[in-house]
C-alpha atoms as a PDB file:
ATOM      1  CA  UNK A   1       0.000   0.000   0.000  1.00  0.00           C
ATOM      2  CA  UNK A   2       1.437   3.387  -1.000  1.00  0.00           C
ATOM      3  CA  UNK A   3       1.965   5.863   1.834  1.00  0.00           C
ATOM      4  CA  UNK A   4       0.525   9.358   1.365  1.00  0.00           C
ATOM      5  CA  UNK A   5       2.462  12.186   3.009  1.00  0.00           C
ATOM      6  CA  UNK A   6       0.655  12.213   6.344  1.00  0.00           C
ATOM      7  CA  UNK A   7       0.674   8.408   6.506  1.00  0.00           C
ATOM      8  CA  UNK A   8       4.361   8.371   5.539  1.00  0.00           C
ATOM      9  CA  UNK A   9       5.110  10.719   8.437  1.00  0.00           C
ATOM     10  CA  UNK A  10       2.870   8.821  10.897  1.00  0.00           C
ATOM     11  CA  UNK A  11       4.412   5.499   9.828  1.00  0.00           C
ATOM     12  CA  UNK A  12       7.913   6.909  10.368  1.00  0.00           C
ATOM     13  CA  UNK A  13       6.986   8.255  13.806  1.00  0.00           C
ATOM     14  CA  UNK A  14       5.462   4.927  14.889  1.00  0.00           C
ATOM     15  CA  UNK A  15       8.480   2.995  13.624  1.00  0.00           C
ATOM     16  CA  UNK A  16      10.903   5.321  15.435  1.00  0.00           C
ATOM     17  CA  UNK A  17       9.010   5.292  18.731  1.00  0.00           C
ATOM     18  CA  UNK A  18       8.894   1.471  18.683  1.00  0.00           C
ATOM     19  CA  UNK A  19      12.709   1.346  18.782  1.00  0.00           C
ATOM     20  CA  UNK A  20      14.467   1.175  22.180  1.00  0.00           C
ATOM     21  CA  UNK A  21      15.868   4.390  23.635  1.00  0.00           C
ATOM     22  CA  UNK A  22      14.239   6.712  21.096  1.00  0.00           C
ATOM     23  CA  UNK A  23      13.730  10.317  22.143  1.00  0.00           C
ATOM     24  CA  UNK A  24      12.264  13.135  20.070  1.00  0.00           C
ATOM     25  CA  UNK A  25      11.632  16.843  20.100  1.00  0.00           C
ATOM     26  CA  UNK A  26      11.923  20.057  18.104  1.00  0.00           C
ATOM     27  CA  UNK A  27      15.483  21.343  18.726  1.00  0.00           C
ATOM     28  CA  UNK A  28      15.857  23.196  15.409  1.00  0.00           C
ATOM     29  CA  UNK A  29      12.448  24.585  14.443  1.00  0.00           C
ATOM     30  CA  UNK A  30       8.796  23.877  15.149  1.00  0.00           C
ATOM     31  CA  UNK A  31       8.459  22.151  11.746  1.00  0.00           C
ATOM     32  CA  UNK A  32      11.208  19.538  12.230  1.00  0.00           C
ATOM     33  CA  UNK A  33      10.369  16.650  14.585  1.00  0.00           C
ATOM     34  CA  UNK A  34      13.807  15.162  15.348  1.00  0.00           C
ATOM     35  CA  UNK A  35      14.231  11.571  16.565  1.00  0.00           C
ATOM     36  CA  UNK A  36      17.422  10.511  18.355  1.00  0.00           C
ATOM     37  CA  UNK A  37      18.937   7.512  20.034  1.00  0.00           C
ATOM     38  CA  UNK A  38      21.871   7.940  22.428  1.00  0.00           C
ATOM     39  CA  UNK A  39      21.849  11.638  21.536  1.00  0.00           C
ATOM     40  CA  UNK A  40      22.323  10.981  17.800  1.00  0.00           C
ATOM     41  CA  UNK A  41      19.779  11.908  15.120  1.00  0.00           C
ATOM     42  CA  UNK A  42      18.364   9.071  13.003  1.00  0.00           C
ATOM     43  CA  UNK A  43      15.079  10.546  11.723  1.00  0.00           C
ATOM     44  CA  UNK A  44      13.725  13.983  10.925  1.00  0.00           C
ATOM     45  CA  UNK A  45      10.027  14.349  10.165  1.00  0.00           C
ATOM     46  CA  UNK A  46       9.153  17.593   8.383  1.00  0.00           C
ATOM     47  CA  UNK A  47       5.832  18.825   9.748  1.00  0.00           C
ATOM     48  CA  UNK A  48       5.339  21.432   7.012  1.00  0.00           C
ATOM     49  CA  UNK A  49       2.100  20.380   5.215  1.00  0.00           C
ATOM     50  CA  UNK A  50       3.558  21.595   1.900  1.00  0.00           C
ATOM     51  CA  UNK A  51       6.641  19.379   2.283  1.00  0.00           C
ATOM     52  CA  UNK A  52       5.610  16.013   3.699  1.00  0.00           C
ATOM     53  CA  UNK A  53       8.971  14.278   3.879  1.00  0.00           C
ATOM     54  CA  UNK A  54      11.077  12.291   6.280  1.00  0.00           C
ATOM     55  CA  UNK A  55      14.868  12.265   6.305  1.00  0.00           C
ATOM     56  CA  UNK A  56      16.884   9.230   7.443  1.00  0.00           C
ATOM     57  CA  UNK A  57      20.518   8.182   7.647  1.00  0.00           C
ATOM     58  CA  UNK A  58      21.527   5.705   4.948  1.00  0.00           C
ATOM     59  CA  UNK A  59      24.753   4.006   3.851  1.00  0.00           C
ATOM     60  CA  UNK A  60      26.091   5.962   0.823  1.00  0.00           C
ATOM     61  CA  UNK A  61      25.854   3.082  -1.684  1.00  0.00           C
ATOM     62  CA  UNK A  62      22.312   2.213  -0.628  1.00  0.00           C
ATOM     63  CA  UNK A  63      21.377   5.913  -0.619  1.00  0.00           C
ATOM     64  CA  UNK A  64      22.480   6.265  -4.255  1.00  0.00           C
ATOM     65  CA  UNK A  65      20.486   3.157  -5.213  1.00  0.00           C
ATOM     66  CA  UNK A  66      17.374   4.447  -3.426  1.00  0.00           C
ATOM     67  CA  UNK A  67      17.635   7.861  -5.123  1.00  0.00           C
ATOM     68  CA  UNK A  68      17.982   6.141  -8.520  1.00  0.00           C
ATOM     69  CA  UNK A  69      15.152   3.697  -7.816  1.00  0.00           C
ATOM     70  CA  UNK A  70      12.420   6.031  -6.558  1.00  0.00           C
ATOM     71  CA  UNK A  71      11.364   9.405  -7.950  1.00  0.00           C
ATOM     72  CA  UNK A  72      10.325  10.668  -4.512  1.00  0.00           C
ATOM     73  CA  UNK A  73      13.548   9.708  -2.699  1.00  0.00           C
ATOM     74  CA  UNK A  74      16.153  12.463  -2.882  1.00  0.00           C
ATOM     75  CA  UNK A  75      19.531  13.149  -1.285  1.00  0.00           C
ATOM     76  CA  UNK A  76      18.889  14.252   2.298  1.00  0.00           C
ATOM     77  CA  UNK A  77      17.583  17.720   2.944  1.00  0.00           C
ATOM     78  CA  UNK A  78      19.399  19.784   5.554  1.00  0.00           C
ATOM     79  CA  UNK A  79      22.158  17.180   6.004  1.00  0.00           C
ATOM     80  CA  UNK A  80      25.135  15.479   4.338  1.00  0.00           C
ATOM     81  CA  UNK A  81      23.687  14.315   1.029  1.00  0.00           C
ATOM     82  CA  UNK A  82      25.942  11.240   0.872  1.00  0.00           C
ATOM     83  CA  UNK A  83      24.737   9.799   4.171  1.00  0.00           C
ATOM     84  CA  UNK A  84      21.106  10.949   4.348  1.00  0.00           C
ATOM     85  CA  UNK A  85      18.052  10.537   2.119  1.00  0.00           C
ATOM     86  CA  UNK A  86      14.653  12.209   2.168  1.00  0.00           C
ATOM     87  CA  UNK A  87      11.511  10.252   1.315  1.00  0.00           C
ATOM     88  CA  UNK A  88       8.324  11.882   0.129  1.00  0.00           C
ATOM     89  CA  UNK A  89       5.008  10.388  -0.934  1.00  0.00           C
ATOM     90  CA  UNK A  90       5.019   8.848  -4.386  1.00  0.00           C
ATOM     91  CA  UNK A  91       5.023   5.651  -6.426  1.00  0.00           C
ATOM     92  CA  UNK A  92       6.602   2.731  -4.594  1.00  0.00           C
ATOM     93  CA  UNK A  93       6.861   4.519  -1.226  1.00  0.00           C
ATOM     94  CA  UNK A  94       5.081   1.999   0.964  1.00  0.00           C
ATOM     95  CA  UNK A  95       4.614   1.796   4.702  1.00  0.00           C
ATOM     96  CA  UNK A  96       7.012  -1.176   4.692  1.00  0.00           C
ATOM     97  CA  UNK A  97       9.679   0.815   2.840  1.00  0.00           C
ATOM     98  CA  UNK A  98       9.297   3.722   5.283  1.00  0.00           C
ATOM     99  CA  UNK A  99       9.518   1.439   8.325  1.00  0.00           C
ATOM    100  CA  UNK A 100      12.593  -0.292   6.896  1.00  0.00           C
ATOM    101  CA  UNK A 101      14.283   3.057   6.162  1.00  0.00           C
ATOM    102  CA  UNK A 102      13.681   4.254   9.747  1.00  0.00           C
ATOM    103  CA  UNK A 103      14.914   0.974  11.266  1.00  0.00           C
ATOM    104  CA  UNK A 104      18.015   0.943   9.042  1.00  0.00           C
ATOM    105  CA  UNK A 105      18.789   4.543  10.001  1.00  0.00           C
ATOM    106  CA  UNK A 106      18.435   3.704  13.692  1.00  0.00           C
ATOM    107  CA  UNK A 107      20.738   0.686  13.297  1.00  0.00           C
ATOM    108  CA  UNK A 108      23.378   2.818  11.547  1.00  0.00           C
ATOM    109  CA  UNK A 109      23.297   5.460  14.270  1.00  0.00           C
ATOM    110  CA  UNK A 110      23.407   2.916  17.106  1.00  0.00           C
ATOM    111  CA  UNK A 111      26.543   1.359  15.567  1.00  0.00           C
ATOM    112  CA  UNK A 112      28.364   4.697  15.249  1.00  0.00           C
ATOM    113  CA  UNK A 113      31.077   5.388  17.817  1.00  0.00           C
ATOM    114  CA  UNK A 114      30.330   8.197  20.261  1.00  0.00           C
ATOM    115  CA  UNK A 115      32.203  11.396  19.473  1.00  0.00           C
ATOM    116  CA  UNK A 116      35.061  12.082  21.863  1.00  0.00           C
ATOM    117  CA  UNK A 117      34.832  15.368  23.746  1.00  0.00           C
END
């Protein structure tokens, strides 16, 4: 089933909140719902009704494949375009794809070493 923008965002939120240790808030602006684990961002949900997208961390090779494979997946907005992708509603963007993207992003962030002070 294809995910419309609001469903895409709701699906991403549900998937993120189901993962252990997830915290979220609006540290940047009222329109960016930011999800973190261990203090590291893994999902940004854009609350702007004119731009219903989510942004997730993604391995660079997979990110390039996703961008090539789906018209509504683009290099990540606001972030490093090699390591982040943004998903918007469109053909092939299913609830399963959204959930998988959020879970993969979480897994990548959890594996990252903590920055040294």
